Each structure stands twice: as structure tokens, then as C-alpha cells.
Amino acid sequence: MVAHRPFSILQPYAETGPIFICQSDCSAPSATEIPQVLEASPEYLIKAYTSNQRIKYGTGAIVPKENFTSKLSALLARSDLAFVDIRSAKNNCWLTRVTHQT
């Protein structure tokens, strides 16, 4: 079994989770593409974090796929947030991270 912790700083919310591998050949998405894993569910859990990798309370929400882009844009427009993690709404598994584009 292989696991991943998408945080460089150990803290109570730096969860470690499994790595899912494609069954057949697949390529990593570019920096501007939506990963395939985000096309499978009707909703996702979004959590925003500060630059010190701490959850910004009040930013967590289960968001329907059709509202996904607008919710991400609103969170990433905030100067007090550094990135947004996207998780499974049903199992809380970490799926991917969205950061400010520089």
C-alpha cells in the first residue's frame, strides 16, 4: 500500500491517505486542466487553507459539481488563503489541490 500526505508541515489536519492508480494508461493533467477524478461525482468537499497549511475555518463545504468553478474562484480570490484541497464528499479522500496560478 502506498500513501500520500499533501502537507509539508505536520499538524493535526495533515491527513495521510491512499494513492489511487489508473487501471489503464493515463496522463497527469496540465496545470489548467480539471483532473479526470473530478468528473466522477456530482459533488465534492472543498477545504481552503492558509499559507501555513492550516484549515481556514468556515471555508469547508460540500459543493455540487455545477457550482464548483465559481466556489473555487471565490476562495482563491481571497488574500488570506493559499490553496484549496478537493476531497471526496462521501469518503473524505483527498483528490487534488488547487493553488493560485502565478
Protein backbone atom coordinates (compact mmCIF):
# COMPACT_ATOMS: atom_id res chain seq x y z
CA MET A 1 0.00 0.00 0.00
CA VAL A 2 1.21 3.48 -0.85
CA ALA A 3 0.08 6.64 0.96
CA HIS A 4 0.46 10.39 0.48
CA ARG A 5 0.32 13.37 2.85
CA PRO A 6 -0.13 16.55 0.77
CA PHE A 7 1.27 18.74 3.56
CA SER A 8 4.92 19.53 4.31
CA ILE A 9 4.16 20.65 7.87
CA LEU A 10 2.96 18.15 10.46
CA GLN A 11 -0.18 19.38 12.20
CA PRO A 12 -3.48 17.85 13.35
CA TYR A 13 -5.22 18.26 9.98
CA ALA A 14 -2.35 16.99 7.81
CA GLU A 15 -4.09 13.74 6.97
CA THR A 16 -2.40 10.90 5.10
CA GLY A 17 -4.39 8.94 2.56
CA PRO A 18 -4.11 6.33 -0.16
CA ILE A 19 -2.79 6.89 -3.66
CA PHE A 20 -5.12 5.73 -6.41
CA ILE A 21 -3.53 4.45 -9.59
CA CYS A 22 -5.14 4.43 -13.04
CA GLN A 23 -6.17 0.97 -14.20
CA SER A 24 -5.07 1.74 -17.75
CA ASP A 25 -2.66 4.28 -19.23
CA CYS A 26 -3.45 7.84 -18.18
CA SER A 27 -1.53 11.09 -18.14
CA ALA A 28 -1.31 13.72 -15.47
CA PRO A 29 -3.47 16.79 -16.12
CA SER A 30 -1.79 20.06 -17.00
CA ALA A 31 -1.83 22.93 -14.53
CA THR A 32 -5.02 24.30 -16.10
CA GLU A 33 -6.90 21.04 -16.78
CA ILE A 34 -9.53 19.56 -14.49
CA PRO A 35 -8.33 16.09 -13.40
CA GLN A 36 -10.46 13.14 -14.54
CA VAL A 37 -11.08 12.17 -10.92
CA LEU A 38 -13.24 15.32 -10.61
CA GLU A 39 -15.65 14.19 -13.30
CA ALA A 40 -16.96 11.12 -11.46
CA SER A 41 -19.05 12.58 -8.64
CA PRO A 42 -21.97 15.03 -8.53
CA GLU A 43 -20.40 16.84 -5.54
CA TYR A 44 -17.09 17.38 -3.75
CA LEU A 45 -15.83 18.52 -0.34
CA ILE A 46 -13.74 21.69 -0.59
CA LYS A 47 -11.46 22.93 2.22
CA ALA A 48 -9.33 26.09 1.99
CA TYR A 49 -6.02 26.58 3.79
CA THR A 50 -3.78 29.46 4.81
CA SER A 51 -0.12 29.80 3.78
CA ASN A 52 0.95 27.97 6.96
CA GLN A 53 -1.11 24.96 5.78
CA ARG A 54 -3.88 25.39 8.36
CA ILE A 55 -7.56 24.99 7.57
CA LYS A 56 -9.35 28.33 7.35
CA TYR A 57 -12.47 27.61 9.35
CA GLY A 58 -15.70 28.46 7.61
CA THR A 59 -14.37 27.60 4.13
CA GLY A 60 -15.25 23.91 4.12
CA ALA A 61 -18.30 22.98 2.08
CA ILE A 62 -19.79 20.20 0.03
CA VAL A 63 -20.19 21.76 -3.39
CA PRO A 64 -22.23 20.42 -6.32
CA LYS A 65 -20.15 19.96 -9.48
CA GLU A 66 -22.09 22.68 -11.32
CA ASN A 67 -21.06 25.28 -8.66
CA PHE A 68 -17.51 24.00 -8.39
CA THR A 69 -15.67 26.56 -10.55
CA SER A 70 -17.37 29.60 -9.02
CA LYS A 71 -16.74 28.37 -5.45
CA LEU A 72 -13.05 27.70 -6.21
CA SER A 73 -12.65 31.10 -7.88
CA ALA A 74 -14.20 32.88 -4.89
CA LEU A 75 -11.92 31.12 -2.41
CA LEU A 76 -8.76 31.61 -4.48
CA ALA A 77 -9.53 35.32 -4.85
CA ARG A 78 -9.13 35.74 -1.08
CA SER A 79 -5.73 37.04 0.03
CA ASP A 80 -5.88 35.07 3.31
CA LEU A 81 -5.98 31.70 1.51
CA ALA A 82 -3.10 29.89 -0.18
CA PHE A 83 -4.74 26.78 -1.63
CA VAL A 84 -7.89 24.68 -1.72
CA ASP A 85 -7.96 20.93 -1.29
CA ILE A 86 -10.66 18.94 -3.03
CA ARG A 87 -11.88 15.76 -1.37
CA SER A 88 -14.50 13.13 -1.91
CA ALA A 89 -17.79 14.34 -0.44
CA LYS A 90 -18.71 10.80 0.61
CA ASN A 91 -15.42 9.34 1.88
CA ASN A 92 -13.36 12.49 2.59
CA CYS A 93 -10.45 11.11 0.49
CA TRP A 94 -8.04 13.77 -0.74
CA LEU A 95 -8.25 14.09 -4.53
CA THR A 96 -6.27 17.15 -5.59
CA ARG A 97 -5.09 20.63 -4.62
CA VAL A 98 -5.85 23.92 -6.39
CA THR A 99 -3.46 26.85 -5.95
CA HIS A 100 -3.18 30.40 -7.22
CA GLN A 101 -1.80 30.49 -10.71
CA THR A 102 1.36 32.63 -10.96
